[in-house]
Each structure stands twice: as C-alpha cells, then as structure tokens.
Amino acid sequence: MELITWQDFEKVEMRVGTIVEVNDFPEARNPSYQLVIDFGPEIGLRKSSAQITVRYKKEELLGKQIVAVVNFPKKQIAKFMSECLVLGAIGADKAVTLLQPGLPVENGLRIA
C-alpha cells in the first residue's frame, strides 16, 4: 500500500449524488449500466458507467444516493463518455457494493 499525503487526499472530489437514470450498456466489455447522476446545482448531472449488475437491478438504482469522484478526466468506454467514478467495495467474487450515505443528504455534498 502506497501512502499519500493529506494534500493528495484533498485533491480528490468525492461527492454525493442521486441516480436519476439507468440504462443497459450492452457494448461494455464487462456487464455494466450507464448511469446519470444528479450532483446538485454546483456540479450538475454527470454520466458514469458502473459494473454493478451483479448486486443491483436497474429499477432499484433509481433514486439511490451514491458517492462518486467527480474530478477525474472523462473516460471513453465503448461509445459512452464516463464523467465520474462511482465508488464501491469490491468483494472476492468481484461484485461491487455501492458506497452511499447512511441517511439522505443534499446532492453535491463533499465527502471529507
């Protein structure tokens, strides 16, 4: 494990957002969904590709609050442009469990 400085950590913008749209992503190399996430008025809507199909159905993701890194450069995945990185815990079975606040909070709040 490589140690980072406090200044390194402060550069990472992790924000809370609400999933407002979920679509299948058959062009992805690994089973994934295309998400649209609302990060509030400061950040706005961002798109992301997420490999979360093992634990989550599309309909249960709508309205779910999640945590994502919003200050990475955009990344092309097939014909889709991912604009943020949704965070989750990856189990031994490679299934992802989304990180989310324990209680509803305002979209766009920064994780510290």
PDB file of N, CA and C in Angstrom:
ATOM      1  N   MET A   1       0.837  -1.171   0.000  1.00  0.00           N
ATOM      2  CA  MET A   1       0.000   0.000   0.000  1.00  0.00           C
ATOM      3  C   MET A   1       0.890   1.245   0.000  1.00  0.00           C
ATOM      4  N   GLU A   2       0.624   2.120  -0.953  1.00  0.00           N
ATOM      5  CA  GLU A   2       1.376   3.369  -1.046  1.00  0.00           C
ATOM      6  C   GLU A   2       0.679   4.448  -0.223  1.00  0.00           C
ATOM      7  N   LEU A   3       1.439   5.133   0.622  1.00  0.00           N
ATOM      8  CA  LEU A   3       0.874   6.213   1.427  1.00  0.00           C
ATOM      9  C   LEU A   3       0.779   7.489   0.595  1.00  0.00           C
ATOM     10  N   ILE A   4      -0.281   8.264   0.854  1.00  0.00           N
ATOM     11  CA  ILE A   4      -0.435   9.570   0.211  1.00  0.00           C
ATOM     12  C   ILE A   4      -0.420  10.642   1.284  1.00  0.00           C
ATOM     13  N   THR A   5      -0.264  11.865   0.852  1.00  0.00           N
ATOM     14  CA  THR A   5      -0.263  12.978   1.803  1.00  0.00           C
ATOM     15  C   THR A   5      -1.684  13.522   1.958  1.00  0.00           C
ATOM     16  N   TRP A   6      -1.869  14.327   2.969  1.00  0.00           N
ATOM     17  CA  TRP A   6      -3.158  14.983   3.167  1.00  0.00           C
ATOM     18  C   TRP A   6      -3.484  15.860   1.952  1.00  0.00           C
ATOM     19  N   GLN A   7      -2.476  16.502   1.384  1.00  0.00           N
ATOM     20  CA  GLN A   7      -2.680  17.341   0.202  1.00  0.00           C
ATOM     21  C   GLN A   7      -3.163  16.494  -0.983  1.00  0.00           C
ATOM     22  N   ASP A   8      -2.648  15.275  -1.125  1.00  0.00           N
ATOM     23  CA  ASP A   8      -3.131  14.376  -2.178  1.00  0.00           C
ATOM     24  C   ASP A   8      -4.613  14.085  -1.978  1.00  0.00           C
ATOM     25  N   PHE A   9      -4.997  13.740  -0.759  1.00  0.00           N
ATOM     26  CA  PHE A   9      -6.392  13.410  -0.453  1.00  0.00           C
ATOM     27  C   PHE A   9      -7.314  14.590  -0.731  1.00  0.00           C
ATOM     28  N   GLU A  10      -6.874  15.793  -0.393  1.00  0.00           N
ATOM     29  CA  GLU A  10      -7.711  16.981  -0.590  1.00  0.00           C
ATOM     30  C   GLU A  10      -8.008  17.249  -2.067  1.00  0.00           C
ATOM     31  N   LYS A  11      -7.199  16.718  -2.964  1.00  0.00           N
ATOM     32  CA  LYS A  11      -7.423  16.913  -4.401  1.00  0.00           C
ATOM     33  C   LYS A  11      -8.579  16.073  -4.926  1.00  0.00           C
ATOM     34  N   VAL A  12      -8.923  14.991  -4.234  1.00  0.00           N
ATOM     35  CA  VAL A  12      -9.971  14.086  -4.690  1.00  0.00           C
ATOM     36  C   VAL A  12     -11.333  14.637  -4.274  1.00  0.00           C
ATOM     37  N   GLU A  13     -12.175  14.939  -5.264  1.00  0.00           N
ATOM     38  CA  GLU A  13     -13.523  15.476  -5.008  1.00  0.00           C
ATOM     39  C   GLU A  13     -14.527  14.339  -5.020  1.00  0.00           C
ATOM     40  N   MET A  14     -14.837  13.831  -3.833  1.00  0.00           N
ATOM     41  CA  MET A  14     -15.877  12.813  -3.702  1.00  0.00           C
ATOM     42  C   MET A  14     -17.152  13.530  -3.287  1.00  0.00           C
ATOM     43  N   ARG A  15     -18.212  13.294  -4.042  1.00  0.00           N
ATOM     44  CA  ARG A  15     -19.484  13.969  -3.790  1.00  0.00           C
ATOM     45  C   ARG A  15     -20.627  12.966  -3.744  1.00  0.00           C
ATOM     46  N   VAL A  16     -21.698  13.351  -3.054  1.00  0.00           N
ATOM     47  CA  VAL A  16     -22.918  12.549  -3.012  1.00  0.00           C
ATOM     48  C   VAL A  16     -23.817  12.978  -4.158  1.00  0.00           C
ATOM     49  N   GLY A  17     -24.381  12.003  -4.846  1.00  0.00           N
ATOM     50  CA  GLY A  17     -25.325  12.282  -5.924  1.00  0.00           C
ATOM     51  C   GLY A  17     -26.444  11.257  -5.925  1.00  0.00           C
ATOM     52  N   THR A  18     -27.530  11.592  -6.614  1.00  0.00           N
ATOM     53  CA  THR A  18     -28.676  10.700  -6.730  1.00  0.00           C
ATOM     54  C   THR A  18     -28.784  10.194  -8.160  1.00  0.00           C
ATOM     55  N   ILE A  19     -28.922   8.878  -8.308  1.00  0.00           N
ATOM     56  CA  ILE A  19     -29.071   8.278  -9.631  1.00  0.00           C
ATOM     57  C   ILE A  19     -30.460   8.632 -10.163  1.00  0.00           C
ATOM     58  N   VAL A  20     -30.501   9.288 -11.334  1.00  0.00           N
ATOM     59  CA  VAL A  20     -31.777   9.723 -11.913  1.00  0.00           C
ATOM     60  C   VAL A  20     -32.122   8.977 -13.209  1.00  0.00           C
ATOM     61  N   GLU A  21     -31.159   8.238 -13.745  1.00  0.00           N
ATOM     62  CA  GLU A  21     -31.410   7.453 -14.961  1.00  0.00           C
ATOM     63  C   GLU A  21     -30.467   6.258 -14.987  1.00  0.00           C
ATOM     64  N   VAL A  22     -30.997   5.100 -15.397  1.00  0.00           N
ATOM     65  CA  VAL A  22     -30.202   3.863 -15.507  1.00  0.00           C
ATOM     66  C   VAL A  22     -30.546   3.192 -16.828  1.00  0.00           C
ATOM     67  N   ASN A  23     -29.510   2.855 -17.598  1.00  0.00           N
ATOM     68  CA  ASN A  23     -29.712   2.169 -18.875  1.00  0.00           C
ATOM     69  C   ASN A  23     -28.771   0.990 -18.980  1.00  0.00           C
ATOM     70  N   ASP A  24     -29.202  -0.039 -19.717  1.00  0.00           N
ATOM     71  CA  ASP A  24     -28.321  -1.156 -20.020  1.00  0.00           C
ATOM     72  C   ASP A  24     -27.155  -0.645 -20.864  1.00  0.00           C
ATOM     73  N   PHE A  25     -26.044  -1.359 -20.808  1.00  0.00           N
ATOM     74  CA  PHE A  25     -24.850  -0.970 -21.563  1.00  0.00           C
ATOM     75  C   PHE A  25     -24.273  -2.219 -22.241  1.00  0.00           C
ATOM     76  N   PRO A  26     -24.974  -2.728 -23.270  1.00  0.00           N
ATOM     77  CA  PRO A  26     -24.543  -3.979 -23.903  1.00  0.00           C
ATOM     78  C   PRO A  26     -23.181  -3.880 -24.609  1.00  0.00           C
ATOM     79  N   GLU A  27     -22.732  -2.680 -24.965  1.00  0.00           N
ATOM     80  CA  GLU A  27     -21.442  -2.515 -25.655  1.00  0.00           C
ATOM     81  C   GLU A  27     -20.247  -2.611 -24.711  1.00  0.00           C
ATOM     82  N   ALA A  28     -20.477  -2.536 -23.420  1.00  0.00           N
ATOM     83  CA  ALA A  28     -19.376  -2.588 -22.450  1.00  0.00           C
ATOM     84  C   ALA A  28     -18.728  -3.971 -22.453  1.00  0.00           C
ATOM     85  N   ARG A  29     -17.431  -3.998 -22.223  1.00  0.00           N
ATOM     86  CA  ARG A  29     -16.676  -5.254 -22.179  1.00  0.00           C
ATOM     87  C   ARG A  29     -17.160  -6.150 -21.039  1.00  0.00           C
ATOM     88  N   ASN A  30     -17.417  -5.553 -19.870  1.00  0.00           N
ATOM     89  CA  ASN A  30     -17.946  -6.273 -18.709  1.00  0.00           C
ATOM     90  C   ASN A  30     -19.362  -5.794 -18.442  1.00  0.00           C
ATOM     91  N   PRO A  31     -20.250  -6.650 -17.918  1.00  0.00           N
ATOM     92  CA  PRO A  31     -21.636  -6.227 -17.667  1.00  0.00           C
ATOM     93  C   PRO A  31     -21.688  -4.943 -16.842  1.00  0.00           C
ATOM     94  N   SER A  32     -22.380  -3.930 -17.388  1.00  0.00           N
ATOM     95  CA  SER A  32     -22.411  -2.603 -16.773  1.00  0.00           C
ATOM     96  C   SER A  32     -23.740  -1.918 -17.041  1.00  0.00           C
ATOM     97  N   TYR A  33     -23.979  -0.871 -16.277  1.00  0.00           N
ATOM     98  CA  TYR A  33     -25.081   0.054 -16.539  1.00  0.00           C
ATOM     99  C   TYR A  33     -24.504   1.413 -16.896  1.00  0.00           C
ATOM    100  N   GLN A  34     -25.263   2.177 -17.668  1.00  0.00           N
ATOM    101  CA  GLN A  34     -24.977   3.588 -17.878  1.00  0.00           C
ATOM    102  C   GLN A  34     -25.854   4.344 -16.887  1.00  0.00           C
ATOM    103  N   LEU A  35     -25.234   5.188 -16.074  1.00  0.00           N
ATOM    104  CA  LEU A  35     -25.958   5.954 -15.059  1.00  0.00           C
ATOM    105  C   LEU A  35     -25.908   7.439 -15.375  1.00  0.00           C
ATOM    106  N   VAL A  36     -26.981   8.146 -15.015  1.00  0.00           N
ATOM    107  CA  VAL A  36     -26.978   9.606 -14.976  1.00  0.00           C
ATOM    108  C   VAL A  36     -27.216   9.961 -13.515  1.00  0.00           C
ATOM    109  N   ILE A  37     -26.323  10.786 -12.961  1.00  0.00           N
ATOM    110  CA  ILE A  37     -26.335  11.088 -11.528  1.00  0.00           C
ATOM    111  C   ILE A  37     -26.448  12.592 -11.335  1.00  0.00           C
ATOM    112  N   ASP A  38     -27.347  13.006 -10.442  1.00  0.00           N
ATOM    113  CA  ASP A  38     -27.550  14.417 -10.115  1.00  0.00           C
ATOM    114  C   ASP A  38     -26.701  14.770  -8.893  1.00  0.00           C
ATOM    115  N   PHE A  39     -25.710  15.639  -9.098  1.00  0.00           N
ATOM    116  CA  PHE A  39     -24.836  16.091  -8.018  1.00  0.00           C
ATOM    117  C   PHE A  39     -25.198  17.491  -7.528  1.00  0.00           C
ATOM    118  N   GLY A  40     -26.412  17.939  -7.788  1.00  0.00           N
ATOM    119  CA  GLY A  40     -26.851  19.243  -7.294  1.00  0.00           C
ATOM    120  C   GLY A  40     -26.432  20.376  -8.204  1.00  0.00           C
ATOM    121  N   PRO A  41     -26.799  21.618  -7.814  1.00  0.00           N
ATOM    122  CA  PRO A  41     -26.599  22.766  -8.706  1.00  0.00           C
ATOM    123  C   PRO A  41     -25.144  23.116  -9.020  1.00  0.00           C
ATOM    124  N   GLU A  42     -24.225  22.855  -8.114  1.00  0.00           N
ATOM    125  CA  GLU A  42     -22.822  23.222  -8.363  1.00  0.00           C
ATOM    126  C   GLU A  42     -22.171  22.328  -9.414  1.00  0.00           C
ATOM    127  N   ILE A  43     -22.412  21.030  -9.351  1.00  0.00           N
ATOM    128  CA  ILE A  43     -21.799  20.055 -10.256  1.00  0.00           C
ATOM    129  C   ILE A  43     -22.734  19.705 -11.417  1.00  0.00           C
ATOM    130  N   GLY A  44     -24.014  19.543 -11.125  1.00  0.00           N
ATOM    131  CA  GLY A  44     -24.999  19.202 -12.152  1.00  0.00           C
ATOM    132  C   GLY A  44     -25.078  17.708 -12.399  1.00  0.00           C
ATOM    133  N   LEU A  45     -25.554  17.348 -13.589  1.00  0.00           N
ATOM    134  CA  LEU A  45     -25.699  15.951 -13.969  1.00  0.00           C
ATOM    135  C   LEU A  45     -24.386  15.424 -14.548  1.00  0.00           C
ATOM    136  N   ARG A  46     -24.033  14.206 -14.171  1.00  0.00           N
ATOM    137  CA  ARG A  46     -22.850  13.546 -14.715  1.00  0.00           C
ATOM    138  C   ARG A  46     -23.231  12.126 -15.101  1.00  0.00           C
ATOM    139  N   LYS A  47     -22.572  11.607 -16.141  1.00  0.00           N
ATOM    140  CA  LYS A  47     -22.790  10.231 -16.591  1.00  0.00           C
ATOM    141  C   LYS A  47     -21.650   9.350 -16.087  1.00  0.00           C
ATOM    142  N   SER A  48     -21.985   8.082 -15.854  1.00  0.00           N
ATOM    143  CA  SER A  48     -20.959   7.125 -15.450  1.00  0.00           C
ATOM    144  C   SER A  48     -21.344   5.730 -15.914  1.00  0.00           C
ATOM    145  N   SER A  49     -20.338   4.939 -16.217  1.00  0.00           N
ATOM    146  CA  SER A  49     -20.524   3.514 -16.479  1.00  0.00           C
ATOM    147  C   SER A  49     -20.143   2.792 -15.196  1.00  0.00           C
ATOM    148  N   ALA A  50     -20.992   1.862 -14.756  1.00  0.00           N
ATOM    149  CA  ALA A  50     -20.716   1.178 -13.489  1.00  0.00           C
ATOM    150  C   ALA A  50     -20.965  -0.320 -13.620  1.00  0.00           C
ATOM    151  N   GLN A  51     -19.993  -1.108 -13.196  1.00  0.00           N
ATOM    152  CA  GLN A  51     -20.096  -2.566 -13.226  1.00  0.00           C
ATOM    153  C   GLN A  51     -20.765  -3.050 -11.940  1.00  0.00           C
ATOM    154  N   ILE A  52     -22.064  -2.789 -11.845  1.00  0.00           N
ATOM    155  CA  ILE A  52     -22.808  -3.092 -10.622  1.00  0.00           C
ATOM    156  C   ILE A  52     -24.005  -3.995 -10.889  1.00  0.00           C
ATOM    157  N   THR A  53     -23.976  -4.717 -12.006  1.00  0.00           N
ATOM    158  CA  THR A  53     -25.134  -5.519 -12.412  1.00  0.00           C
ATOM    159  C   THR A  53     -25.335  -6.774 -11.560  1.00  0.00           C
ATOM    160  N   VAL A  54     -24.305  -7.231 -10.851  1.00  0.00           N
ATOM    161  CA  VAL A  54     -24.426  -8.447 -10.036  1.00  0.00           C
ATOM    162  C   VAL A  54     -25.343  -8.199  -8.837  1.00  0.00           C
ATOM    163  N   ARG A  55     -25.150  -7.085  -8.150  1.00  0.00           N
ATOM    164  CA  ARG A  55     -25.897  -6.811  -6.914  1.00  0.00           C
ATOM    165  C   ARG A  55     -27.133  -5.941  -7.103  1.00  0.00           C
ATOM    166  N   TYR A  56     -27.248  -5.237  -8.230  1.00  0.00           N
ATOM    167  CA  TYR A  56     -28.320  -4.239  -8.381  1.00  0.00           C
ATOM    168  C   TYR A  56     -29.101  -4.420  -9.676  1.00  0.00           C
ATOM    169  N   LYS A  57     -30.412  -4.284  -9.573  1.00  0.00           N
ATOM    170  CA  LYS A  57     -31.294  -4.228 -10.730  1.00  0.00           C
ATOM    171  C   LYS A  57     -31.510  -2.758 -11.079  1.00  0.00           C
ATOM    172  N   LYS A  58     -31.761  -2.485 -12.358  1.00  0.00           N
ATOM    173  CA  LYS A  58     -31.919  -1.100 -12.805  1.00  0.00           C
ATOM    174  C   LYS A  58     -32.959  -0.344 -11.975  1.00  0.00           C
ATOM    175  N   GLU A  59     -34.126  -0.967 -11.777  1.00  0.00           N
ATOM    176  CA  GLU A  59     -35.221  -0.262 -11.108  1.00  0.00           C
ATOM    177  C   GLU A  59     -34.914   0.076  -9.649  1.00  0.00           C
ATOM    178  N   GLU A  60     -34.071  -0.703  -8.972  1.00  0.00           N
ATOM    179  CA  GLU A  60     -33.755  -0.393  -7.578  1.00  0.00           C
ATOM    180  C   GLU A  60     -32.678   0.688  -7.456  1.00  0.00           C
ATOM    181  N   LEU A  61     -32.001   1.004  -8.561  1.00  0.00           N
ATOM    182  CA  LEU A  61     -30.968   2.049  -8.535  1.00  0.00           C
ATOM    183  C   LEU A  61     -31.553   3.457  -8.641  1.00  0.00           C
ATOM    184  N   LEU A  62     -32.701   3.591  -9.304  1.00  0.00           N
ATOM    185  CA  LEU A  62     -33.308   4.922  -9.461  1.00  0.00           C
ATOM    186  C   LEU A  62     -33.610   5.536  -8.100  1.00  0.00           C
ATOM    187  N   GLY A  63     -33.118   6.753  -7.896  1.00  0.00           N
ATOM    188  CA  GLY A  63     -33.348   7.460  -6.640  1.00  0.00           C
ATOM    189  C   GLY A  63     -32.347   7.141  -5.546  1.00  0.00           C
ATOM    190  N   LYS A  64     -31.438   6.200  -5.800  1.00  0.00           N
ATOM    191  CA  LYS A  64     -30.436   5.818  -4.794  1.00  0.00           C
ATOM    192  C   LYS A  64     -29.322   6.855  -4.760  1.00  0.00           C
ATOM    193  N   GLN A  65     -28.939   7.257  -3.553  1.00  0.00           N
ATOM    194  CA  GLN A  65     -27.801   8.155  -3.410  1.00  0.00           C
ATOM    195  C   GLN A  65     -26.521   7.329  -3.361  1.00  0.00           C
ATOM    196  N   ILE A  66     -25.494   7.840  -4.024  1.00  0.00           N
ATOM    197  CA  ILE A  66     -24.207   7.158  -4.106  1.00  0.00           C
ATOM    198  C   ILE A  66     -23.085   8.164  -3.875  1.00  0.00           C
ATOM    199  N   VAL A  67     -21.868   7.669  -3.784  1.00  0.00           N
ATOM    200  CA  VAL A  67     -20.675   8.512  -3.669  1.00  0.00           C
ATOM    201  C   VAL A  67     -19.838   8.293  -4.923  1.00  0.00           C
ATOM    202  N   ALA A  68     -19.342   9.394  -5.491  1.00  0.00           N
ATOM    203  CA  ALA A  68     -18.523   9.292  -6.703  1.00  0.00           C
ATOM    204  C   ALA A  68     -17.423  10.342  -6.689  1.00  0.00           C
ATOM    205  N   VAL A  69     -16.333  10.042  -7.402  1.00  0.00           N
ATOM    206  CA  VAL A  69     -15.272  11.023  -7.635  1.00  0.00           C
ATOM    207  C   VAL A  69     -15.679  11.811  -8.877  1.00  0.00           C
ATOM    208  N   VAL A  70     -15.762  13.140  -8.737  1.00  0.00           N
ATOM    209  CA  VAL A  70     -16.258  13.969  -9.838  1.00  0.00           C
ATOM    210  C   VAL A  70     -15.174  14.783 -10.540  1.00  0.00           C
ATOM    211  N   ASN A  71     -13.917  14.685 -10.092  1.00  0.00           N
ATOM    212  CA  ASN A  71     -12.868  15.494 -10.726  1.00  0.00           C
ATOM    213  C   ASN A  71     -11.815  14.681 -11.469  1.00  0.00           C
ATOM    214  N   PHE A  72     -12.198  13.481 -11.937  1.00  0.00           N
ATOM    215  CA  PHE A  72     -11.353  12.740 -12.870  1.00  0.00           C
ATOM    216  C   PHE A  72     -11.626  13.251 -14.279  1.00  0.00           C
ATOM    217  N   PRO A  73     -10.669  13.107 -15.200  1.00  0.00           N
ATOM    218  CA  PRO A  73     -10.960  13.427 -16.593  1.00  0.00           C
ATOM    219  C   PRO A  73     -12.012  12.456 -17.136  1.00  0.00           C
ATOM    220  N   LYS A  74     -12.746  12.874 -18.156  1.00  0.00           N
ATOM    221  CA  LYS A  74     -13.724  11.992 -18.808  1.00  0.00           C
ATOM    222  C   LYS A  74     -12.995  10.787 -19.393  1.00  0.00           C
ATOM    223  N   LYS A  75     -13.727   9.642 -19.444  1.00  0.00           N
ATOM    224  CA  LYS A  75     -13.122   8.423 -19.978  1.00  0.00           C
ATOM    225  C   LYS A  75     -14.082   7.781 -20.971  1.00  0.00           C
ATOM    226  N   GLN A  76     -13.578   7.507 -22.165  1.00  0.00           N
ATOM    227  CA  GLN A  76     -14.376   6.855 -23.208  1.00  0.00           C
ATOM    228  C   GLN A  76     -14.467   5.363 -22.915  1.00  0.00           C
ATOM    229  N   ILE A  77     -15.700   4.843 -22.814  1.00  0.00           N
ATOM    230  CA  ILE A  77     -15.936   3.416 -22.625  1.00  0.00           C
ATOM    231  C   ILE A  77     -16.905   3.001 -23.724  1.00  0.00           C
ATOM    232  N   ALA A  78     -16.401   2.259 -24.699  1.00  0.00           N
ATOM    233  CA  ALA A  78     -17.153   1.950 -25.922  1.00  0.00           C
ATOM    234  C   ALA A  78     -17.573   3.288 -26.544  1.00  0.00           C
ATOM    235  N   LYS A  79     -18.870   3.481 -26.805  1.00  0.00           N
ATOM    236  CA  LYS A  79     -19.337   4.753 -27.394  1.00  0.00           C
ATOM    237  C   LYS A  79     -19.891   5.697 -26.337  1.00  0.00           C
ATOM    238  N   PHE A  80     -19.571   5.443 -25.080  1.00  0.00           N
ATOM    239  CA  PHE A  80     -20.118   6.195 -23.947  1.00  0.00           C
ATOM    240  C   PHE A  80     -18.994   6.967 -23.266  1.00  0.00           C
ATOM    241  N   MET A  81     -19.264   8.218 -22.883  1.00  0.00           N
ATOM    242  CA  MET A  81     -18.277   9.043 -22.191  1.00  0.00           C
ATOM    243  C   MET A  81     -18.626   9.086 -20.703  1.00  0.00           C
ATOM    244  N   SER A  82     -17.792   8.440 -19.882  1.00  0.00           N
ATOM    245  CA  SER A  82     -17.987   8.431 -18.440  1.00  0.00           C
ATOM    246  C   SER A  82     -17.375   9.696 -17.851  1.00  0.00           C
ATOM    247  N   GLU A  83     -18.152  10.407 -17.009  1.00  0.00           N
ATOM    248  CA  GLU A  83     -17.739  11.713 -16.487  1.00  0.00           C
ATOM    249  C   GLU A  83     -17.432  11.718 -14.996  1.00  0.00           C
ATOM    250  N   CYS A  84     -17.621  10.593 -14.319  1.00  0.00           N
ATOM    251  CA  CYS A  84     -17.296  10.478 -12.906  1.00  0.00           C
ATOM    252  C   CYS A  84     -17.079   9.011 -12.579  1.00  0.00           C
ATOM    253  N   LEU A  85     -16.508   8.729 -11.410  1.00  0.00           N
ATOM    254  CA  LEU A  85     -16.225   7.365 -10.983  1.00  0.00           C
ATOM    255  C   LEU A  85     -17.077   7.043  -9.765  1.00  0.00           C
ATOM    256  N   VAL A  86     -18.048   6.163  -9.953  1.00  0.00           N
ATOM    257  CA  VAL A  86     -18.897   5.717  -8.854  1.00  0.00           C
ATOM    258  C   VAL A  86     -18.064   4.798  -7.967  1.00  0.00           C
ATOM    259  N   LEU A  87     -18.141   5.008  -6.645  1.00  0.00           N
ATOM    260  CA  LEU A  87     -17.326   4.244  -5.713  1.00  0.00           C
ATOM    261  C   LEU A  87     -18.093   3.080  -5.100  1.00  0.00           C
ATOM    262  N   GLY A  88     -17.387   1.981  -4.914  1.00  0.00           N
ATOM    263  CA  GLY A  88     -17.987   0.810  -4.296  1.00  0.00           C
ATOM    264  C   GLY A  88     -16.919  -0.101  -3.723  1.00  0.00           C
ATOM    265  N   ALA A  89     -17.361  -1.004  -2.875  1.00  0.00           N
ATOM    266  CA  ALA A  89     -16.478  -2.011  -2.298  1.00  0.00           C
ATOM    267  C   ALA A  89     -16.539  -3.250  -3.189  1.00  0.00           C
ATOM    268  N   ILE A  90     -15.366  -3.777  -3.555  1.00  0.00           N
ATOM    269  CA  ILE A  90     -15.293  -4.926  -4.450  1.00  0.00           C
ATOM    270  C   ILE A  90     -14.984  -6.174  -3.627  1.00  0.00           C
ATOM    271  N   GLY A  91     -15.917  -7.131  -3.651  1.00  0.00           N
ATOM    272  CA  GLY A  91     -15.755  -8.365  -2.896  1.00  0.00           C
ATOM    273  C   GLY A  91     -14.864  -9.363  -3.608  1.00  0.00           C
ATOM    274  N   ALA A  92     -14.580 -10.464  -2.933  1.00  0.00           N
ATOM    275  CA  ALA A  92     -13.749 -11.523  -3.503  1.00  0.00           C
ATOM    276  C   ALA A  92     -14.380 -12.080  -4.773  1.00  0.00           C
ATOM    277  N   ASP A  93     -15.709 -12.020  -4.868  1.00  0.00           N
ATOM    278  CA  ASP A  93     -16.417 -12.509  -6.055  1.00  0.00           C
ATOM    279  C   ASP A  93     -16.476 -11.464  -7.166  1.00  0.00           C
ATOM    280  N   LYS A  94     -15.800 -10.324  -6.964  1.00  0.00           N
ATOM    281  CA  LYS A  94     -15.731  -9.201  -7.912  1.00  0.00           C
ATOM    282  C   LYS A  94     -17.037  -8.404  -7.984  1.00  0.00           C
ATOM    283  N   ALA A  95     -18.021  -8.743  -7.148  1.00  0.00           N
ATOM    284  CA  ALA A  95     -19.272  -7.985  -7.116  1.00  0.00           C
ATOM    285  C   ALA A  95     -19.041  -6.671  -6.364  1.00  0.00           C
ATOM    286  N   VAL A  96     -19.638  -5.589  -6.869  1.00  0.00           N
ATOM    287  CA  VAL A  96     -19.459  -4.256  -6.297  1.00  0.00           C
ATOM    288  C   VAL A  96     -20.669  -3.892  -5.439  1.00  0.00           C
ATOM    289  N   THR A  97     -20.394  -3.431  -4.226  1.00  0.00           N
ATOM    290  CA  THR A  97     -21.419  -2.878  -3.343  1.00  0.00           C
ATOM    291  C   THR A  97     -21.196  -1.373  -3.291  1.00  0.00           C
ATOM    292  N   LEU A  98     -22.191  -0.603  -3.715  1.00  0.00           N
ATOM    293  CA  LEU A  98     -22.065   0.851  -3.792  1.00  0.00           C
ATOM    294  C   LEU A  98     -21.843   1.493  -2.432  1.00  0.00           C
ATOM    295  N   LEU A  99     -20.991   2.523  -2.412  1.00  0.00           N
ATOM    296  CA  LEU A  99     -20.855   3.346  -1.217  1.00  0.00           C
ATOM    297  C   LEU A  99     -21.964   4.381  -1.248  1.00  0.00           C
ATOM    298  N   GLN A 100     -22.634   4.562  -0.111  1.00  0.00           N
ATOM    299  CA  GLN A 100     -23.725   5.524  -0.057  1.00  0.00           C
ATOM    300  C   GLN A 100     -23.868   6.060   1.358  1.00  0.00           C
ATOM    301  N   PRO A 101     -24.429   7.278   1.487  1.00  0.00           N
ATOM    302  CA  PRO A 101     -24.630   7.814   2.830  1.00  0.00           C
ATOM    303  C   PRO A 101     -25.654   6.976   3.589  1.00  0.00           C
ATOM    304  N   GLY A 102     -25.520   6.939   4.914  1.00  0.00           N
ATOM    305  CA  GLY A 102     -26.436   6.179   5.748  1.00  0.00           C
ATOM    306  C   GLY A 102     -27.813   6.801   5.870  1.00  0.00           C
ATOM    307  N   LEU A 103     -27.890   8.107   5.634  1.00  0.00           N
ATOM    308  CA  LEU A 103     -29.147   8.855   5.666  1.00  0.00           C
ATOM    309  C   LEU A 103     -29.205   9.743   4.434  1.00  0.00           C
ATOM    310  N   PRO A 104     -30.406  10.111   3.972  1.00  0.00           N
ATOM    311  CA  PRO A 104     -30.486  11.026   2.817  1.00  0.00           C
ATOM    312  C   PRO A 104     -29.819  12.370   3.139  1.00  0.00           C
ATOM    313  N   VAL A 105     -29.031  12.853   2.183  1.00  0.00           N
ATOM    314  CA  VAL A 105     -28.364  14.147   2.317  1.00  0.00           C
ATOM    315  C   VAL A 105     -28.551  14.937   1.026  1.00  0.00           C
ATOM    316  N   GLU A 106     -28.152  16.176   1.063  1.00  0.00           N
ATOM    317  CA  GLU A 106     -28.259  17.060  -0.105  1.00  0.00           C
ATOM    318  C   GLU A 106     -27.293  16.600  -1.195  1.00  0.00           C
ATOM    319  N   ASN A 107     -27.773  16.552  -2.432  1.00  0.00           N
ATOM    320  CA  ASN A 107     -26.901  16.213  -3.556  1.00  0.00           C
ATOM    321  C   ASN A 107     -25.769  17.218  -3.658  1.00  0.00           C
ATOM    322  N   GLY A 108     -24.567  16.724  -3.931  1.00  0.00           N
ATOM    323  CA  GLY A 108     -23.413  17.580  -4.120  1.00  0.00           C
ATOM    324  C   GLY A 108     -22.555  17.734  -2.884  1.00  0.00           C
ATOM    325  N   LEU A 109     -23.020  17.238  -1.725  1.00  0.00           N
ATOM    326  CA  LEU A 109     -22.179  17.366  -0.524  1.00  0.00           C
ATOM    327  C   LEU A 109     -20.864  16.639  -0.725  1.00  0.00           C
ATOM    328  N   ARG A 110     -19.806  17.269  -0.264  1.00  0.00           N
ATOM    329  CA  ARG A 110     -18.469  16.706  -0.428  1.00  0.00           C
ATOM    330  C   ARG A 110     -18.172  15.729   0.702  1.00  0.00           C
ATOM    331  N   ILE A 111     -17.499  14.650   0.361  1.00  0.00           N
ATOM    332  CA  ILE A 111     -17.043  13.677   1.345  1.00  0.00           C
ATOM    333  C   ILE A 111     -15.708  14.161   1.880  1.00  0.00           C
ATOM    334  N   ALA A 112     -15.568  14.156   3.194  1.00  0.00           N
ATOM    335  CA  ALA A 112     -14.324  14.634   3.815  1.00  0.00           C
ATOM    336  C   ALA A 112     -13.827  13.642   4.830  1.00  0.00           C
TER     337      ALA A 112
END
